[in-house]
PDB file of N, CA and C in Angstrom:
ATOM      1  N   MET A   1     -25.325  18.028  -7.951  1.00  0.00           N
ATOM      2  CA  MET A   1     -25.524  16.694  -7.415  1.00  0.00           C
ATOM      3  C   MET A   1     -24.264  16.254  -6.684  1.00  0.00           C
ATOM      4  N   HIS A   2     -24.425  15.777  -5.470  1.00  0.00           N
ATOM      5  CA  HIS A   2     -23.296  15.283  -4.689  1.00  0.00           C
ATOM      6  C   HIS A   2     -23.215  13.778  -4.828  1.00  0.00           C
ATOM      7  N   MET A   3     -21.997  13.300  -5.040  1.00  0.00           N
ATOM      8  CA  MET A   3     -21.771  11.866  -5.166  1.00  0.00           C
ATOM      9  C   MET A   3     -21.321  11.321  -3.814  1.00  0.00           C
ATOM     10  N   THR A   4     -21.677  10.063  -3.544  1.00  0.00           N
ATOM     11  CA  THR A   4     -21.203   9.417  -2.327  1.00  0.00           C
ATOM     12  C   THR A   4     -19.768   8.953  -2.553  1.00  0.00           C
ATOM     13  N   VAL A   5     -19.098   8.650  -1.479  1.00  0.00           N
ATOM     14  CA  VAL A   5     -17.726   8.136  -1.576  1.00  0.00           C
ATOM     15  C   VAL A   5     -17.718   6.859  -2.409  1.00  0.00           C
ATOM     16  N   GLU A   6     -18.720   6.020  -2.212  1.00  0.00           N
ATOM     17  CA  GLU A   6     -18.800   4.761  -2.971  1.00  0.00           C
ATOM     18  C   GLU A   6     -18.944   5.031  -4.467  1.00  0.00           C
ATOM     19  N   GLN A   7     -19.757   6.021  -4.828  1.00  0.00           N
ATOM     20  CA  GLN A   7     -19.926   6.377  -6.234  1.00  0.00           C
ATOM     21  C   GLN A   7     -18.622   6.924  -6.821  1.00  0.00           C
ATOM     22  N   ILE A   8     -17.944   7.747  -6.054  1.00  0.00           N
ATOM     23  CA  ILE A   8     -16.663   8.298  -6.508  1.00  0.00           C
ATOM     24  C   ILE A   8     -15.657   7.168  -6.701  1.00  0.00           C
ATOM     25  N   ALA A   9     -15.615   6.241  -5.753  1.00  0.00           N
ATOM     26  CA  ALA A   9     -14.695   5.108  -5.860  1.00  0.00           C
ATOM     27  C   ALA A   9     -15.014   4.272  -7.095  1.00  0.00           C
ATOM     28  N   ASP A  10     -16.277   4.013  -7.346  1.00  0.00           N
ATOM     29  CA  ASP A  10     -16.664   3.240  -8.537  1.00  0.00           C
ATOM     30  C   ASP A  10     -16.211   3.934  -9.813  1.00  0.00           C
ATOM     31  N   GLU A  11     -16.416   5.248  -9.868  1.00  0.00           N
ATOM     32  CA  GLU A  11     -15.988   6.020 -11.038  1.00  0.00           C
ATOM     33  C   GLU A  11     -14.466   5.977 -11.184  1.00  0.00           C
ATOM     34  N   ALA A  12     -13.763   6.140 -10.067  1.00  0.00           N
ATOM     35  CA  ALA A  12     -12.299   6.143 -10.107  1.00  0.00           C
ATOM     36  C   ALA A  12     -11.770   4.793 -10.551  1.00  0.00           C
ATOM     37  N   LEU A  13     -12.377   3.719 -10.075  1.00  0.00           N
ATOM     38  CA  LEU A  13     -11.914   2.377 -10.442  1.00  0.00           C
ATOM     39  C   LEU A  13     -12.168   2.053 -11.916  1.00  0.00           C
ATOM     40  N   ALA A  14     -13.051   2.797 -12.547  1.00  0.00           N
ATOM     41  CA  ALA A  14     -13.323   2.601 -13.971  1.00  0.00           C
ATOM     42  C   ALA A  14     -12.282   3.295 -14.850  1.00  0.00           C
ATOM     43  N   LEU A  15     -11.442   4.136 -14.262  1.00  0.00           N
ATOM     44  CA  LEU A  15     -10.411   4.845 -15.018  1.00  0.00           C
ATOM     45  C   LEU A  15      -9.297   3.896 -15.429  1.00  0.00           C
ATOM     46  N   PRO A  16      -8.557   4.252 -16.481  1.00  0.00           N
ATOM     47  CA  PRO A  16      -7.366   3.463 -16.845  1.00  0.00           C
ATOM     48  C   PRO A  16      -6.354   3.505 -15.695  1.00  0.00           C
ATOM     49  N   SER A  17      -5.486   2.511 -15.630  1.00  0.00           N
ATOM     50  CA  SER A  17      -4.567   2.391 -14.495  1.00  0.00           C
ATOM     51  C   SER A  17      -3.683   3.622 -14.317  1.00  0.00           C
ATOM     52  N   GLU A  18      -3.219   4.223 -15.388  1.00  0.00           N
ATOM     53  CA  GLU A  18      -2.363   5.411 -15.255  1.00  0.00           C
ATOM     54  C   GLU A  18      -3.128   6.563 -14.607  1.00  0.00           C
ATOM     55  N   ALA A  19      -4.378   6.746 -14.998  1.00  0.00           N
ATOM     56  CA  ALA A  19      -5.198   7.804 -14.411  1.00  0.00           C
ATOM     57  C   ALA A  19      -5.478   7.507 -12.940  1.00  0.00           C
ATOM     58  N   ARG A  20      -5.713   6.235 -12.599  1.00  0.00           N
ATOM     59  CA  ARG A  20      -5.930   5.871 -11.191  1.00  0.00           C
ATOM     60  C   ARG A  20      -4.691   6.164 -10.363  1.00  0.00           C
ATOM     61  N   ALA A  21      -3.512   5.881 -10.924  1.00  0.00           N
ATOM     62  CA  ALA A  21      -2.267   6.151 -10.202  1.00  0.00           C
ATOM     63  C   ALA A  21      -2.102   7.649  -9.955  1.00  0.00           C
ATOM     64  N   LEU A  22      -2.390   8.462 -10.959  1.00  0.00           N
ATOM     65  CA  LEU A  22      -2.302   9.915 -10.791  1.00  0.00           C
ATOM     66  C   LEU A  22      -3.297  10.405  -9.746  1.00  0.00           C
ATOM     67  N   LEU A  23      -4.503   9.867  -9.779  1.00  0.00           N
ATOM     68  CA  LEU A  23      -5.513  10.240  -8.801  1.00  0.00           C
ATOM     69  C   LEU A  23      -5.076   9.839  -7.392  1.00  0.00           C
ATOM     70  N   ALA A  24      -4.530   8.650  -7.263  1.00  0.00           N
ATOM     71  CA  ALA A  24      -4.057   8.188  -5.956  1.00  0.00           C
ATOM     72  C   ALA A  24      -2.963   9.111  -5.425  1.00  0.00           C
ATOM     73  N   ASP A  25      -2.040   9.496  -6.284  1.00  0.00           N
ATOM     74  CA  ASP A  25      -0.981  10.421  -5.871  1.00  0.00           C
ATOM     75  C   ASP A  25      -1.570  11.744  -5.378  1.00  0.00           C
ATOM     76  N   ARG A  26      -2.534  12.276  -6.115  1.00  0.00           N
ATOM     77  CA  ARG A  26      -3.142  13.552  -5.718  1.00  0.00           C
ATOM     78  C   ARG A  26      -3.868  13.422  -4.391  1.00  0.00           C
ATOM     79  N   LEU A  27      -4.542  12.307  -4.183  1.00  0.00           N
ATOM     80  CA  LEU A  27      -5.254  12.109  -2.923  1.00  0.00           C
ATOM     81  C   LEU A  27      -4.287  11.989  -1.756  1.00  0.00           C
ATOM     82  N   VAL A  28      -3.210  11.238  -1.941  1.00  0.00           N
ATOM     83  CA  VAL A  28      -2.209  11.091  -0.874  1.00  0.00           C
ATOM     84  C   VAL A  28      -1.587  12.438  -0.554  1.00  0.00           C
ATOM     85  N   GLU A  29      -1.274  13.215  -1.585  1.00  0.00           N
ATOM     86  CA  GLU A  29      -0.679  14.533  -1.365  1.00  0.00           C
ATOM     87  C   GLU A  29      -1.621  15.466  -0.606  1.00  0.00           C
ATOM     88  N   SER A  30      -2.910  15.228  -0.699  1.00  0.00           N
ATOM     89  CA  SER A  30      -3.880  16.114  -0.046  1.00  0.00           C
ATOM     90  C   SER A  30      -4.067  15.800   1.438  1.00  0.00           C
ATOM     91  N   LEU A  31      -3.478  14.717   1.921  1.00  0.00           N
ATOM     92  CA  LEU A  31      -3.642  14.334   3.318  1.00  0.00           C
ATOM     93  C   LEU A  31      -2.936  15.313   4.238  1.00  0.00           C
ATOM     94  N   ASP A  32      -3.417  15.391   5.443  1.00  0.00           N
ATOM     95  CA  ASP A  32      -2.865  16.266   6.470  1.00  0.00           C
ATOM     96  C   ASP A  32      -1.411  15.882   6.754  1.00  0.00           C
ATOM     97  N   PRO A  33      -0.474  16.837   6.644  1.00  0.00           N
ATOM     98  CA  PRO A  33       0.934  16.532   6.916  1.00  0.00           C
ATOM     99  C   PRO A  33       1.171  15.972   8.315  1.00  0.00           C
ATOM    100  N   ALA A  34       0.372  16.384   9.288  1.00  0.00           N
ATOM    101  CA  ALA A  34       0.531  15.843  10.645  1.00  0.00           C
ATOM    102  C   ALA A  34       0.218  14.357  10.657  1.00  0.00           C
ATOM    103  N   GLU A  35      -0.806  13.959   9.900  1.00  0.00           N
ATOM    104  CA  GLU A  35      -1.132  12.543   9.788  1.00  0.00           C
ATOM    105  C   GLU A  35      -0.003  11.800   9.088  1.00  0.00           C
ATOM    106  N   ASP A  36       0.597  12.438   8.097  1.00  0.00           N
ATOM    107  CA  ASP A  36       1.688  11.819   7.359  1.00  0.00           C
ATOM    108  C   ASP A  36       2.843  11.467   8.297  1.00  0.00           C
ATOM    109  N   GLY A  37       3.162  12.378   9.202  1.00  0.00           N
ATOM    110  CA  GLY A  37       4.227  12.114  10.166  1.00  0.00           C
ATOM    111  C   GLY A  37       3.876  10.956  11.081  1.00  0.00           C
ATOM    112  N   TYR A  38       2.636  10.907  11.506  1.00  0.00           N
ATOM    113  CA  TYR A  38       2.180   9.818  12.363  1.00  0.00           C
ATOM    114  C   TYR A  38       2.242   8.492  11.612  1.00  0.00           C
ATOM    115  N   ILE A  39       1.780   8.489  10.380  1.00  0.00           N
ATOM    116  CA  ILE A  39       1.804   7.270   9.560  1.00  0.00           C
ATOM    117  C   ILE A  39       3.243   6.840   9.322  1.00  0.00           C
ATOM    118  N   ARG A  40       4.117   7.796   9.061  1.00  0.00           N
ATOM    119  CA  ARG A  40       5.537   7.478   8.862  1.00  0.00           C
ATOM    120  C   ARG A  40       6.111   6.820  10.117  1.00  0.00           C
ATOM    121  N   GLN A  41       5.750   7.336  11.295  1.00  0.00           N
ATOM    122  CA  GLN A  41       6.218   6.729  12.553  1.00  0.00           C
ATOM    123  C   GLN A  41       5.729   5.292  12.682  1.00  0.00           C
ATOM    124  N   LEU A  42       4.468   5.063  12.330  1.00  0.00           N
ATOM    125  CA  LEU A  42       3.930   3.702  12.398  1.00  0.00           C
ATOM    126  C   LEU A  42       4.675   2.759  11.461  1.00  0.00           C
ATOM    127  N   TRP A  43       4.993   3.229  10.247  1.00  0.00           N
ATOM    128  CA  TRP A  43       5.728   2.388   9.296  1.00  0.00           C
ATOM    129  C   TRP A  43       7.149   2.126   9.779  1.00  0.00           C
ATOM    130  N   MET A  44       7.783   3.118  10.397  1.00  0.00           N
ATOM    131  CA  MET A  44       9.132   2.914  10.929  1.00  0.00           C
ATOM    132  C   MET A  44       9.109   1.867  12.043  1.00  0.00           C
ATOM    133  N   ARG A  45       8.110   1.948  12.904  1.00  0.00           N
ATOM    134  CA  ARG A  45       7.968   0.959  13.972  1.00  0.00           C
ATOM    135  C   ARG A  45       7.770  -0.440  13.381  1.00  0.00           C
ATOM    136  N   GLU A  46       6.935  -0.528  12.339  1.00  0.00           N
ATOM    137  CA  GLU A  46       6.688  -1.813  11.681  1.00  0.00           C
ATOM    138  C   GLU A  46       7.963  -2.338  11.014  1.00  0.00           C
ATOM    139  N   ALA A  47       8.708  -1.453  10.361  1.00  0.00           N
ATOM    140  CA  ALA A  47       9.959  -1.866   9.709  1.00  0.00           C
ATOM    141  C   ALA A  47      10.956  -2.397  10.740  1.00  0.00           C
ATOM    142  N   ARG A  48      11.064  -1.703  11.856  1.00  0.00           N
ATOM    143  CA  ARG A  48      11.982  -2.169  12.917  1.00  0.00           C
ATOM    144  C   ARG A  48      11.553  -3.527  13.459  1.00  0.00           C
ATOM    145  N   ARG A  49      10.247  -3.699  13.642  1.00  0.00           N
ATOM    146  CA  ARG A  49       9.730  -4.969  14.141  1.00  0.00           C
ATOM    147  C   ARG A  49      10.073  -6.105  13.172  1.00  0.00           C
ATOM    148  N   ARG A  50       9.901  -5.841  11.876  1.00  0.00           N
ATOM    149  CA  ARG A  50      10.193  -6.868  10.875  1.00  0.00           C
ATOM    150  C   ARG A  50      11.689  -7.185  10.822  1.00  0.00           C
ATOM    151  N   ILE A  51      12.526  -6.162  10.913  1.00  0.00           N
ATOM    152  CA  ILE A  51      13.979  -6.382  10.932  1.00  0.00           C
ATOM    153  C   ILE A  51      14.360  -7.230  12.132  1.00  0.00           C
ATOM    154  N   ASP A  52      13.797  -6.908  13.281  1.00  0.00           N
ATOM    155  CA  ASP A  52      14.080  -7.682  14.495  1.00  0.00           C
ATOM    156  C   ASP A  52      13.654  -9.134  14.342  1.00  0.00           C
ATOM    157  N   GLU A  53      12.514  -9.370  13.717  1.00  0.00           N
ATOM    158  CA  GLU A  53      12.044 -10.741  13.509  1.00  0.00           C
ATOM    159  C   GLU A  53      13.004 -11.529  12.623  1.00  0.00           C
ATOM    160  N   VAL A  54      13.513 -10.887  11.577  1.00  0.00           N
ATOM    161  CA  VAL A  54      14.455 -11.561  10.674  1.00  0.00           C
ATOM    162  C   VAL A  54      15.767 -11.830  11.406  1.00  0.00           C
ATOM    163  N   ARG A  55      16.283 -10.823  12.083  1.00  0.00           N
ATOM    164  CA  ARG A  55      17.562 -10.975  12.783  1.00  0.00           C
ATOM    165  C   ARG A  55      17.502 -12.018  13.896  1.00  0.00           C
ATOM    166  N   SER A  56      16.354 -12.141  14.550  1.00  0.00           N
ATOM    167  CA  SER A  56      16.223 -13.115  15.636  1.00  0.00           C
ATOM    168  C   SER A  56      15.992 -14.528  15.119  1.00  0.00           C
ATOM    169  N   GLY A  57      15.711 -14.653  13.826  1.00  0.00           N
ATOM    170  CA  GLY A  57      15.453 -15.965  13.251  1.00  0.00           C
ATOM    171  C   GLY A  57      13.999 -16.401  13.349  1.00  0.00           C
ATOM    172  N   ASN A  58      13.133 -15.543  13.872  1.00  0.00           N
ATOM    173  CA  ASN A  58      11.715 -15.884  13.972  1.00  0.00           C
ATOM    174  C   ASN A  58      11.024 -15.901  12.613  1.00  0.00           C
ATOM    175  N   VAL A  59      11.598 -15.183  11.651  1.00  0.00           N
ATOM    176  CA  VAL A  59      11.046 -15.114  10.303  1.00  0.00           C
ATOM    177  C   VAL A  59      12.142 -15.485   9.322  1.00  0.00           C
ATOM    178  N   LYS A  60      11.795 -16.351   8.368  1.00  0.00           N
ATOM    179  CA  LYS A  60      12.746 -16.768   7.345  1.00  0.00           C
ATOM    180  C   LYS A  60      12.472 -15.957   6.078  1.00  0.00           C
ATOM    181  N   THR A  61      13.506 -15.382   5.505  1.00  0.00           N
ATOM    182  CA  THR A  61      13.342 -14.622   4.265  1.00  0.00           C
ATOM    183  C   THR A  61      13.334 -15.576   3.078  1.00  0.00           C
ATOM    184  N   ILE A  62      12.788 -15.092   1.969  1.00  0.00           N
ATOM    185  CA  ILE A  62      12.808 -15.859   0.725  1.00  0.00           C
ATOM    186  C   ILE A  62      13.316 -14.943  -0.381  1.00  0.00           C
ATOM    187  N   PRO A  63      13.877 -15.530  -1.444  1.00  0.00           N
ATOM    188  CA  PRO A  63      14.360 -14.701  -2.557  1.00  0.00           C
ATOM    189  C   PRO A  63      13.217 -13.907  -3.192  1.00  0.00           C
ATOM    190  N   ALA A  64      13.540 -12.742  -3.722  1.00  0.00           N
ATOM    191  CA  ALA A  64      12.537 -11.858  -4.311  1.00  0.00           C
ATOM    192  C   ALA A  64      11.765 -12.534  -5.432  1.00  0.00           C
ATOM    193  N   ASP A  65      12.449 -13.296  -6.299  1.00  0.00           N
ATOM    194  CA  ASP A  65      11.730 -13.927  -7.410  1.00  0.00           C
ATOM    195  C   ASP A  65      10.687 -14.912  -6.899  1.00  0.00           C
ATOM    196  N   GLU A  66      10.968 -15.588  -5.797  1.00  0.00           N
ATOM    197  CA  GLU A  66       9.996 -16.499  -5.200  1.00  0.00           C
ATOM    198  C   GLU A  66       8.820 -15.714  -4.596  1.00  0.00           C
ATOM    199  N   ALA A  67       9.121 -14.610  -3.935  1.00  0.00           N
ATOM    200  CA  ALA A  67       8.069 -13.775  -3.350  1.00  0.00           C
ATOM    201  C   ALA A  67       7.157 -13.223  -4.437  1.00  0.00           C
ATOM    202  N   PHE A  68       7.742 -12.744  -5.538  1.00  0.00           N
ATOM    203  CA  PHE A  68       6.936 -12.217  -6.638  1.00  0.00           C
ATOM    204  C   PHE A  68       6.092 -13.310  -7.276  1.00  0.00           C
ATOM    205  N   ALA A  69       6.648 -14.510  -7.406  1.00  0.00           N
ATOM    206  CA  ALA A  69       5.892 -15.629  -7.968  1.00  0.00           C
ATOM    207  C   ALA A  69       4.690 -15.948  -7.078  1.00  0.00           C
ATOM    208  N   GLN A  70       4.901 -15.946  -5.771  1.00  0.00           N
ATOM    209  CA  GLN A  70       3.800 -16.207  -4.833  1.00  0.00           C
ATOM    210  C   GLN A  70       2.728 -15.110  -4.943  1.00  0.00           C
ATOM    211  N   ALA A  71       3.168 -13.867  -5.073  1.00  0.00           N
ATOM    212  CA  ALA A  71       2.216 -12.746  -5.200  1.00  0.00           C
ATOM    213  C   ALA A  71       1.419 -12.880  -6.481  1.00  0.00           C
ATOM    214  N   ARG A  72       2.087 -13.225  -7.582  1.00  0.00           N
ATOM    215  CA  ARG A  72       1.386 -13.395  -8.859  1.00  0.00           C
ATOM    216  C   ARG A  72       0.349 -14.506  -8.763  1.00  0.00           C
ATOM    217  N   GLN A  73       0.707 -15.614  -8.093  1.00  0.00           N
ATOM    218  CA  GLN A  73      -0.244 -16.726  -7.928  1.00  0.00           C
ATOM    219  C   GLN A  73      -1.433 -16.290  -7.088  1.00  0.00           C
ATOM    220  N   ALA A  74      -1.189 -15.534  -6.041  1.00  0.00           N
ATOM    221  CA  ALA A  74      -2.292 -15.090  -5.182  1.00  0.00           C
ATOM    222  C   ALA A  74      -3.231 -14.160  -5.939  1.00  0.00           C
ATOM    223  N   ILE A  75      -2.685 -13.308  -6.773  1.00  0.00           N
ATOM    224  CA  ILE A  75      -3.504 -12.362  -7.543  1.00  0.00           C
ATOM    225  C   ILE A  75      -4.315 -13.098  -8.606  1.00  0.00           C
ATOM    226  N   ALA A  76      -3.740 -14.142  -9.186  1.00  0.00           N
ATOM    227  CA  ALA A  76      -4.406 -14.875 -10.266  1.00  0.00           C
ATOM    228  C   ALA A  76      -5.598 -15.679  -9.773  1.00  0.00           C
ATOM    229  N   ARG A  77      -5.694 -15.943  -8.491  1.00  0.00           N
ATOM    230  CA  ARG A  77      -6.806 -16.768  -7.963  1.00  0.00           C
ATOM    231  C   ARG A  77      -8.122 -16.108  -8.073  1.00  0.00           C
TER     232      ARG A  77
END
């Protein structure tokens, strides 16, 4: 019997968090290395863009504890 991607995802999401993390690692490791390089380039471009925004003053940074508090509030909703 073949499972659909949705069925596999449902089964995976039912796993304990540690097992999901291990599964996620295995899936990421299985990706095409050429894609990995491309994705890495995209993240580097994004990181540079964000650094430029901060340095130019277009974006204001906030302390990490405040950022984590905001993230916790967003997740709790």
